[in-house]
Protein backbone atom coordinates (compact mmCIF):
# COMPACT_ATOMS: atom_id res chain seq x y z
CA MET A 1 -7.55 -39.38 55.60
CA LYS A 2 -6.21 -35.91 54.72
CA ASN A 3 -2.44 -35.45 54.75
CA GLU A 4 -0.90 -33.08 57.28
CA THR A 5 0.04 -29.80 55.57
CA TYR A 6 3.07 -27.55 56.15
CA ASP A 7 4.66 -24.58 54.43
CA VAL A 8 8.00 -26.34 54.04
CA ILE A 9 9.03 -29.99 54.41
CA VAL A 10 12.72 -30.80 54.85
CA VAL A 11 13.73 -34.43 54.28
CA GLY A 12 16.98 -35.28 56.06
CA GLY A 13 18.16 -34.28 59.53
CA GLY A 14 21.84 -33.83 58.74
CA PRO A 15 23.74 -30.51 58.74
CA SER A 16 22.20 -29.04 55.58
CA GLY A 17 18.69 -30.22 56.49
CA MET A 18 18.82 -28.80 60.02
CA MET A 19 20.20 -25.49 58.73
CA ALA A 20 17.44 -25.29 56.10
CA ALA A 21 14.69 -26.15 58.57
CA GLY A 22 15.95 -23.68 61.15
CA ARG A 23 16.23 -20.89 58.60
CA ALA A 24 12.74 -21.52 57.19
CA GLY A 25 11.30 -21.59 60.70
CA GLU A 26 13.18 -18.41 61.58
CA LEU A 27 11.45 -16.69 58.67
CA GLY A 28 8.01 -17.69 59.95
CA ALA A 29 7.28 -20.86 58.00
CA ARG A 30 5.54 -23.90 59.44
CA VAL A 31 8.20 -26.55 58.87
CA LEU A 32 8.31 -30.35 59.12
CA LEU A 33 11.75 -31.97 59.35
CA ILE A 34 11.71 -35.69 58.52
CA GLU A 35 14.66 -37.91 59.56
CA LYS A 36 15.05 -41.66 58.98
CA ASN A 37 17.32 -42.24 62.02
CA ASP A 38 16.20 -42.17 65.64
CA ARG A 39 18.14 -38.94 66.22
CA LEU A 40 19.28 -35.88 64.28
CA GLY A 41 22.85 -35.31 63.13
CA LYS A 42 24.01 -38.92 63.47
CA LYS A 43 26.71 -38.57 60.82
CA LEU A 44 27.55 -34.99 61.84
CA SER A 45 28.29 -36.09 65.41
CA LEU A 46 31.00 -38.44 64.12
CA THR A 47 32.81 -36.05 61.78
CA GLY A 48 36.36 -34.87 62.26
CA GLY A 49 37.15 -37.58 64.78
CA ARG A 50 34.08 -36.41 66.74
CA ARG A 51 35.52 -32.88 66.80
CA CYS A 52 33.70 -31.62 63.66
CA ASN A 53 35.66 -29.56 61.14
CA ILE A 54 32.85 -27.00 60.73
CA THR A 55 34.43 -24.98 57.91
CA ASN A 56 37.67 -23.73 56.43
CA ALA A 57 38.63 -20.24 57.59
CA GLU A 58 39.28 -18.77 54.15
CA PHE A 59 37.20 -15.60 54.23
CA ASP A 60 37.81 -14.59 50.62
CA ASP A 61 34.99 -16.22 48.65
CA HIS A 62 37.05 -16.41 45.46
CA LEU A 63 39.95 -18.14 47.19
CA PHE A 64 37.60 -20.44 49.08
CA LEU A 65 35.83 -21.49 45.89
CA ASP A 66 39.14 -22.22 44.17
CA ASN A 67 38.89 -25.49 46.09
CA PHE A 68 35.92 -26.43 43.88
CA PRO A 69 37.50 -26.18 40.41
CA GLU A 70 34.77 -28.18 38.66
CA SER A 71 31.85 -26.39 40.36
CA LYS A 72 33.18 -22.93 41.17
CA GLN A 73 31.00 -21.17 38.59
CA PHE A 74 27.84 -22.54 40.21
CA LEU A 75 28.72 -21.58 43.77
CA PHE A 76 29.30 -17.83 43.60
CA SER A 77 25.60 -17.05 43.96
CA PRO A 78 24.88 -19.12 47.08
CA PHE A 79 28.13 -17.98 48.71
CA SER A 80 27.15 -14.35 48.10
CA GLN A 81 24.16 -15.11 50.37
CA PHE A 82 25.88 -17.16 53.09
CA ASN A 83 29.64 -17.65 53.25
CA VAL A 84 32.39 -18.63 55.67
CA GLU A 85 32.18 -15.37 57.62
CA ASP A 86 28.45 -15.94 58.04
CA THR A 87 29.15 -19.45 59.36
CA PHE A 88 31.44 -18.03 62.06
CA LYS A 89 28.77 -15.49 63.02
CA PHE A 90 26.03 -18.11 63.03
CA PHE A 91 27.77 -20.47 65.44
CA LYS A 92 28.91 -17.58 67.64
CA ASN A 93 25.26 -16.53 67.92
CA GLN A 94 24.44 -20.12 68.88
CA ASN A 95 27.00 -19.87 71.72
CA LEU A 96 29.40 -22.17 69.93
CA PRO A 97 32.50 -20.10 69.03
CA LEU A 98 35.00 -21.57 66.59
CA VAL A 99 38.77 -21.93 66.75
CA ILE A 100 41.12 -22.09 63.77
CA GLU A 101 43.77 -24.80 63.55
CA ASP A 102 46.36 -25.78 60.93
CA ARG A 103 45.37 -25.61 57.25
CA LYS A 104 42.70 -23.06 58.29
CA ARG A 105 40.45 -25.81 59.60
CA ALA A 106 37.81 -24.42 61.96
CA PHE A 107 36.45 -26.48 64.87
CA PRO A 108 34.07 -25.71 67.72
CA LYS A 109 36.01 -24.35 70.67
CA SER A 110 34.47 -27.15 72.73
CA GLN A 111 36.10 -29.70 70.37
CA SER A 112 32.83 -31.64 70.31
CA ALA A 113 30.92 -32.58 67.15
CA GLU A 114 27.92 -33.38 69.32
CA ASP A 115 27.81 -29.72 70.34
CA VAL A 116 27.42 -28.76 66.69
CA SER A 117 24.37 -30.98 66.35
CA LEU A 118 22.94 -29.57 69.58
CA ALA A 119 23.49 -26.00 68.35
CA LEU A 120 21.49 -26.74 65.20
CA VAL A 121 18.72 -28.40 67.20
CA ASP A 122 18.59 -25.32 69.43
CA TYR A 123 18.41 -23.11 66.33
CA MET A 124 15.36 -25.02 65.12
CA LYS A 125 13.71 -24.85 68.56
CA GLU A 126 14.36 -21.11 68.81
CA SER A 127 12.64 -20.56 65.47
CA GLY A 128 9.43 -21.88 67.00
CA GLY A 129 8.13 -23.24 63.72
CA VAL A 130 9.87 -26.59 63.23
CA THR A 131 8.24 -29.97 63.92
CA ILE A 132 10.62 -32.93 63.95
CA LYS A 133 9.59 -36.44 62.94
CA LEU A 134 12.19 -39.19 63.56
CA ASP A 135 12.26 -42.83 62.41
CA ALA A 136 10.51 -41.88 59.17
CA SER A 137 12.17 -42.81 55.87
CA ILE A 138 11.16 -41.25 52.58
CA GLU A 139 9.44 -43.52 50.07
CA SER A 140 8.55 -41.08 47.29
CA LEU A 141 7.77 -37.50 46.40
CA ILE A 142 4.16 -36.77 45.50
CA GLU A 143 4.18 -35.06 42.10
CA THR A 144 1.25 -33.62 40.13
CA ASP A 145 1.57 -31.70 36.87
CA GLY A 146 5.23 -30.87 37.38
CA ILE A 147 4.80 -29.69 40.95
CA ILE A 148 5.93 -31.58 44.02
CA LYS A 149 2.89 -31.59 46.33
CA GLY A 150 4.28 -33.55 49.23
CA VAL A 151 6.23 -36.47 50.62
CA LYS A 152 5.25 -40.09 51.22
CA THR A 153 7.15 -41.66 54.12
CA SER A 154 7.09 -44.79 56.23
CA ALA A 155 5.23 -42.72 58.83
CA GLY A 156 2.59 -41.38 56.47
CA SER A 157 2.19 -38.69 53.82
CA PHE A 158 2.66 -34.95 54.27
CA ASP A 159 1.91 -31.98 52.01
CA ALA A 160 3.77 -28.68 51.63
CA SER A 161 4.19 -25.77 49.24
CA SER A 162 7.97 -26.29 49.23
CA ILE A 163 10.05 -29.44 49.65
CA ILE A 164 13.75 -29.43 50.56
CA LEU A 165 15.63 -32.66 49.92
CA ALA A 166 18.70 -33.09 52.14
CA THR A 167 19.07 -36.87 52.14
CA GLY A 168 22.82 -36.87 51.46
CA GLY A 169 24.98 -39.04 49.25
CA LEU A 170 26.38 -42.53 49.76
CA ALA A 171 29.44 -41.95 51.93
CA ALA A 172 29.37 -43.79 55.30
CA PRO A 173 26.08 -45.65 54.61
CA ASP A 174 25.97 -47.05 58.16
CA THR A 175 24.98 -43.55 59.35
CA GLY A 176 21.94 -43.51 57.06
CA SER A 177 23.53 -42.08 53.90
CA THR A 178 22.08 -44.69 51.56
CA GLY A 179 21.19 -42.54 48.57
CA ASP A 180 17.41 -42.70 49.06
CA GLY A 181 16.85 -39.25 47.61
CA LEU A 182 19.00 -39.91 44.54
CA SER A 183 16.92 -42.87 43.38
CA ILE A 184 13.73 -40.87 43.89
CA LEU A 185 15.09 -37.92 41.91
CA GLU A 186 16.22 -40.19 39.10
CA LYS A 187 12.69 -41.57 38.79
CA LEU A 188 11.43 -38.00 38.55
CA GLY A 189 13.74 -37.31 35.60
CA HIS A 190 16.84 -35.79 37.19
CA THR A 191 20.22 -36.81 35.81
CA ILE A 192 22.25 -38.57 38.47
CA LYS A 193 25.99 -39.11 38.25
CA GLU A 194 26.66 -42.48 39.82
CA PRO A 195 28.16 -41.97 43.29
CA ASP A 196 31.67 -43.22 44.02
CA SER A 197 34.08 -42.77 46.91
CA ASN A 198 35.89 -39.46 46.68
CA LEU A 199 37.65 -38.51 49.90
CA SER A 200 38.84 -41.94 50.94
CA PRO A 201 41.90 -43.91 52.07
CA LEU A 202 43.72 -45.93 49.42
CA ARG A 203 44.35 -49.66 49.36
CA THR A 204 47.28 -51.73 48.16
CA SER A 205 48.03 -55.43 47.74
CA SER A 206 51.53 -55.09 49.27
CA LYS A 207 51.61 -57.10 52.49
CA TRP A 208 54.58 -55.18 53.89
CA VAL A 209 52.50 -51.99 53.79
CA HIS A 210 49.69 -53.74 55.71
CA GLY A 211 52.26 -54.83 58.28
CA LEU A 212 53.09 -51.18 59.04
CA SER A 213 49.52 -50.48 60.19
CA GLY A 214 49.46 -47.69 62.76
CA ILE A 215 52.86 -46.25 61.80
CA SER A 216 52.89 -42.65 60.58
CA VAL A 217 55.56 -40.61 58.80
CA ASP A 218 55.24 -36.94 59.64
CA ASP A 219 57.27 -35.46 56.78
CA MET A 220 57.66 -37.35 53.54
CA VAL A 221 57.02 -36.84 49.84
CA LEU A 222 54.38 -39.03 48.24
CA ARG A 223 54.40 -39.49 44.50
CA TYR A 224 51.81 -41.25 42.36
CA LYS A 225 53.32 -42.66 39.20
CA GLN A 226 51.82 -44.02 36.02
CA ASP A 227 53.91 -45.41 33.17
CA ASN A 228 57.00 -44.46 35.23
CA LYS A 229 56.01 -40.79 35.17
CA THR A 230 55.09 -38.79 38.28
CA GLN A 231 51.47 -37.65 37.94
CA LEU A 232 51.03 -36.13 41.40
CA LYS A 233 53.54 -35.09 44.07
CA LEU A 234 52.57 -34.23 47.66
CA ARG A 235 54.44 -33.52 50.86
CA GLY A 236 53.26 -34.01 54.41
CA ARG A 237 52.10 -36.71 56.80
CA LEU A 238 51.16 -40.26 55.86
CA LEU A 239 49.56 -43.03 57.91
CA PHE A 240 50.01 -46.72 57.10
CA THR A 241 46.93 -48.89 57.66
CA HIS A 242 46.02 -52.57 57.55
CA PHE A 243 44.72 -52.04 54.01
CA GLY A 244 47.05 -49.37 52.61
CA ILE A 245 47.62 -45.68 53.32
CA SER A 246 45.56 -42.88 54.82
CA GLY A 247 45.77 -39.42 56.37
CA PRO A 248 44.52 -36.04 55.04
CA LEU A 249 47.19 -35.94 52.31
CA VAL A 250 46.15 -39.34 50.97
CA ILE A 251 42.42 -38.81 51.37
CA ASN A 252 42.53 -35.52 49.46
CA SER A 253 44.41 -37.20 46.60
CA ALA A 254 41.98 -40.11 46.26
CA PHE A 255 39.85 -38.48 43.57
CA LYS A 256 42.90 -37.82 41.37
CA VAL A 257 44.23 -41.36 41.93
CA LYS A 258 40.84 -42.87 41.17
CA THR A 259 40.83 -40.94 37.89
CA LEU A 260 44.36 -42.12 37.04
CA LEU A 261 43.44 -45.75 37.68
CA LYS A 262 40.90 -45.59 34.85
CA ASP A 263 43.87 -45.31 32.46
CA GLY A 264 46.01 -48.06 33.96
CA PRO A 265 48.06 -49.15 36.99
CA VAL A 266 49.18 -46.56 39.53
CA GLU A 267 52.20 -46.88 41.82
CA ALA A 268 52.76 -44.93 45.03
CA SER A 269 56.30 -43.92 45.94
CA ILE A 270 57.31 -42.63 49.38
CA ASP A 271 60.44 -40.53 49.82
CA LEU A 272 61.39 -40.79 53.48
CA PHE A 273 64.16 -38.17 53.18
CA PRO A 274 62.63 -35.42 51.01
CA ASP A 275 65.30 -32.83 51.87
CA HIS A 276 68.06 -34.95 50.31
CA ASP A 277 68.64 -35.91 46.69
CA LEU A 278 70.13 -39.33 45.98
CA GLY A 279 73.71 -38.07 46.10
CA SER A 280 73.43 -36.15 49.37
CA LEU A 281 71.49 -38.96 51.03
CA ASP A 282 74.14 -41.47 49.98
CA LYS A 283 76.83 -39.28 51.55
CA PHE A 284 74.70 -38.81 54.67
CA ILE A 285 74.19 -42.58 55.08
CA LEU A 286 77.91 -43.24 54.38
CA ASP A 287 78.93 -40.78 57.10
CA PHE A 288 76.24 -42.10 59.42
CA PHE A 289 77.43 -45.71 59.02
CA GLU A 290 81.04 -44.64 59.63
CA GLN A 291 79.95 -42.93 62.86
CA HIS A 292 78.03 -46.03 63.95
CA GLY A 293 80.38 -48.60 62.46
CA LYS A 294 80.19 -51.13 65.29
CA LYS A 295 76.40 -51.11 65.49
CA PHE A 296 74.28 -53.42 63.41
CA VAL A 297 72.59 -51.65 60.49
CA ARG A 298 69.18 -52.36 62.02
CA THR A 299 70.14 -50.74 65.33
CA ALA A 300 71.77 -47.72 63.70
CA LEU A 301 68.86 -46.96 61.35
CA LYS A 302 66.45 -46.94 64.26
CA GLU A 303 68.01 -43.64 65.28
CA LEU A 304 66.63 -42.20 62.03
CA LEU A 305 63.33 -44.01 61.51
CA GLN A 306 60.64 -45.82 63.54
CA ASN A 307 61.61 -49.31 64.65
CA LYS A 308 58.86 -51.07 62.75
CA LEU A 309 59.61 -49.14 59.57
CA VAL A 310 63.30 -50.07 59.76
CA ASP A 311 62.48 -53.75 60.34
CA THR A 312 60.12 -53.71 57.36
CA VAL A 313 62.58 -52.03 54.98
CA LEU A 314 65.33 -54.48 55.93
CA LYS A 315 63.10 -57.40 54.92
CA LEU A 316 62.69 -56.12 51.36
CA PRO A 317 64.56 -57.91 48.52
CA GLY A 318 68.30 -57.19 48.56
CA LEU A 319 68.16 -55.40 51.90
CA ARG A 320 68.41 -58.30 54.33
CA PHE A 321 71.62 -57.07 55.94
CA GLY A 322 70.13 -55.62 59.10
CA ASP A 323 72.32 -57.77 61.32
CA VAL A 324 75.55 -56.71 59.59
CA PRO A 325 77.77 -54.08 61.28
CA ALA A 326 77.29 -50.72 59.60
CA ARG A 327 80.99 -50.49 58.71
CA ASP A 328 80.74 -53.77 56.73
CA VAL A 329 77.94 -52.67 54.42
CA SER A 330 79.10 -52.75 50.81
CA LYS A 331 78.78 -49.81 48.44
CA GLU A 332 76.16 -51.70 46.40
CA GLN A 333 74.12 -52.50 49.53
CA ARG A 334 74.27 -48.91 50.72
CA LYS A 335 73.19 -47.52 47.35
CA LEU A 336 70.26 -49.96 47.20
CA LEU A 337 69.24 -48.85 50.69
CA VAL A 338 69.46 -45.19 49.69
CA HIS A 339 67.34 -45.79 46.58
CA THR A 340 64.75 -47.61 48.67
CA LEU A 341 64.57 -44.84 51.27
CA LYS A 342 63.98 -42.36 48.44
CA ASP A 343 61.55 -44.61 46.56
CA LEU A 344 59.60 -46.93 48.84
CA ASN A 345 57.07 -48.03 46.25
CA PHE A 346 53.95 -50.18 46.05
CA PRO A 347 50.90 -50.51 43.77
CA ILE A 348 47.64 -48.68 44.46
CA LYS A 349 44.61 -50.83 43.75
CA GLY A 350 41.87 -48.30 44.45
CA THR A 351 40.00 -46.44 47.17
CA MET A 352 38.50 -48.12 50.21
CA GLY A 353 35.01 -47.58 48.84
CA LEU A 354 31.91 -45.82 50.05
CA GLU A 355 31.94 -47.42 53.51
CA TRP A 356 35.26 -45.69 54.29
CA SER A 357 34.65 -42.54 52.30
CA ILE A 358 34.37 -39.17 54.03
CA VAL A 359 32.68 -37.77 50.93
CA ALA A 360 31.24 -39.52 47.91
CA ASP A 361 31.09 -37.72 44.61
CA GLY A 362 28.08 -38.20 42.37
CA GLY A 363 24.50 -37.03 42.72
CA VAL A 364 22.32 -34.61 40.80
CA ILE A 365 24.37 -32.86 38.15
CA PRO A 366 24.75 -29.14 39.02
CA GLN A 367 23.42 -28.09 35.61
CA GLU A 368 19.96 -29.14 36.82
CA VAL A 369 20.04 -26.93 39.94
CA ASP A 370 19.32 -23.19 40.16
CA PHE A 371 22.03 -22.18 42.61
CA LYS A 372 20.51 -18.76 43.24
CA THR A 373 17.78 -20.50 45.21
CA MET A 374 19.01 -24.16 45.33
CA SER A 375 15.78 -25.16 43.55
CA SER A 376 15.47 -27.92 40.98
CA LYS A 377 15.24 -26.70 37.40
CA LEU A 378 12.74 -29.48 36.76
CA PHE A 379 10.50 -28.75 39.76
CA PRO A 380 10.60 -25.11 40.95
CA ASN A 381 9.27 -25.84 44.45
CA LEU A 382 11.78 -28.66 45.08
CA TYR A 383 15.10 -27.65 46.67
CA LEU A 384 18.28 -29.77 46.55
CA ILE A 385 21.06 -29.25 49.09
CA GLY A 386 24.21 -30.72 50.61
CA ASP A 387 25.69 -33.99 49.37
CA ILE A 388 22.75 -34.73 47.09
CA ILE A 389 24.43 -32.53 44.43
CA ASP A 390 27.50 -33.72 42.52
CA ILE A 391 30.18 -31.32 43.78
CA ASN A 392 33.74 -32.57 44.19
CA ARG A 393 35.72 -30.97 47.05
CA PRO A 394 38.67 -31.62 49.36
CA SER A 395 38.57 -32.35 53.08
CA GLY A 396 39.30 -29.62 55.58
CA GLY A 397 35.87 -28.12 56.29
CA PHE A 398 34.73 -27.61 52.69
CA SER A 399 31.97 -30.23 52.74
CA LEU A 400 30.23 -28.84 55.81
CA GLN A 401 30.49 -25.28 54.52
CA LEU A 402 28.57 -26.45 51.46
CA CYS A 403 25.93 -27.80 53.82
CA TRP A 404 25.63 -24.53 55.77
CA THR A 405 25.50 -22.44 52.61
CA THR A 406 23.10 -24.53 50.53
CA GLY A 407 20.88 -25.21 53.56
CA TYR A 408 20.60 -21.54 54.48
CA VAL A 409 19.90 -20.46 50.88
CA ALA A 410 17.27 -23.17 50.32
CA GLY A 411 15.59 -22.43 53.65
CA SER A 412 15.39 -18.74 52.77
CA HIS A 413 13.95 -19.19 49.27
CA ALA A 414 11.65 -22.08 50.09
CA VAL A 415 9.81 -19.76 52.48
CA GLN A 416 9.48 -17.07 49.81
CA LYS A 417 7.91 -19.69 47.54
CA SER A 418 5.55 -21.06 50.18
CA ILE A 419 4.27 -17.95 51.98
């Protein structure tokens, strides 16, 4: 039985795949989009707390790409074809205007990630040339004499002049990101860097940290130390969890911490009073205890910190004087308390792994991709986009912008190759 034939086949119905399919259809190609899930954009609809951080509103390409220090040199070409400004225009044209929030994060004005998926589905429908096949997982690429001729799936085989692979990485595997495309590409000869969690919460073995689950500190300094030396210092908001620590600040530091852990133990240190040095904080606490002399230490401190945080600190070694009147605290006790408030420390054991990861690094090494077209350097009619390429980046809209850019570029050039 003869395989169905298309101009372009896109494998993967996530953000980059839908953008690529829509763009190819817009340019007149007959496109087949293959998705393993029973609906498109499953992972996309969950991003950003279901609000979807579409991009980061840095409109200077050079400044935007500074957030990709290891891959910046590869990305200038695709971003010269479709950049952040183009993303704003695209979604506006799809009747989904964006709003800019703190740290230049851009969200749909509707605050709904589902609306982003629907906008991309509408884009493909408007193109008039995209056929969608759901519940079909890729099994292999059909290759003859160095040319990819088609795709074999659980729903049959399909031929095309151009193939775009948008199967994603390994982050959040329960949404379908199980690395199917990476294993196929490795068999075809591509070099694959083993995926690992990148943007991820961090875990610790300290039970007292676990006990603070749900408590957040809005303004603190977080230090990561190795061999008693500070290797990374950050200021902002931190969230305690039942396994360790999280929040944008922590998640964006996970890659650096993961790298440090390869060289030995890493300790996290939280400074709860970053605007004070040890001396000024000691004076502040001394004056504070004098003002609240009749109150128990536990009661007084709860005017400065969350109740649960105070109770936890006052259970640490040497600090079990919460039920002592503030005026009766000794100099040694006060100084130990001050040191603890400036250096609340615990070991970091690693990231929470791929299941918890927002982004996994790893994938096809960028040296094997022609970024002018997003085509494979091994197979000129095979295009690689989105998370399938090893590009490290922070959170804050940068991952999805890579999807929009690489998807648009691949969709454009795949049509030129096929028609």
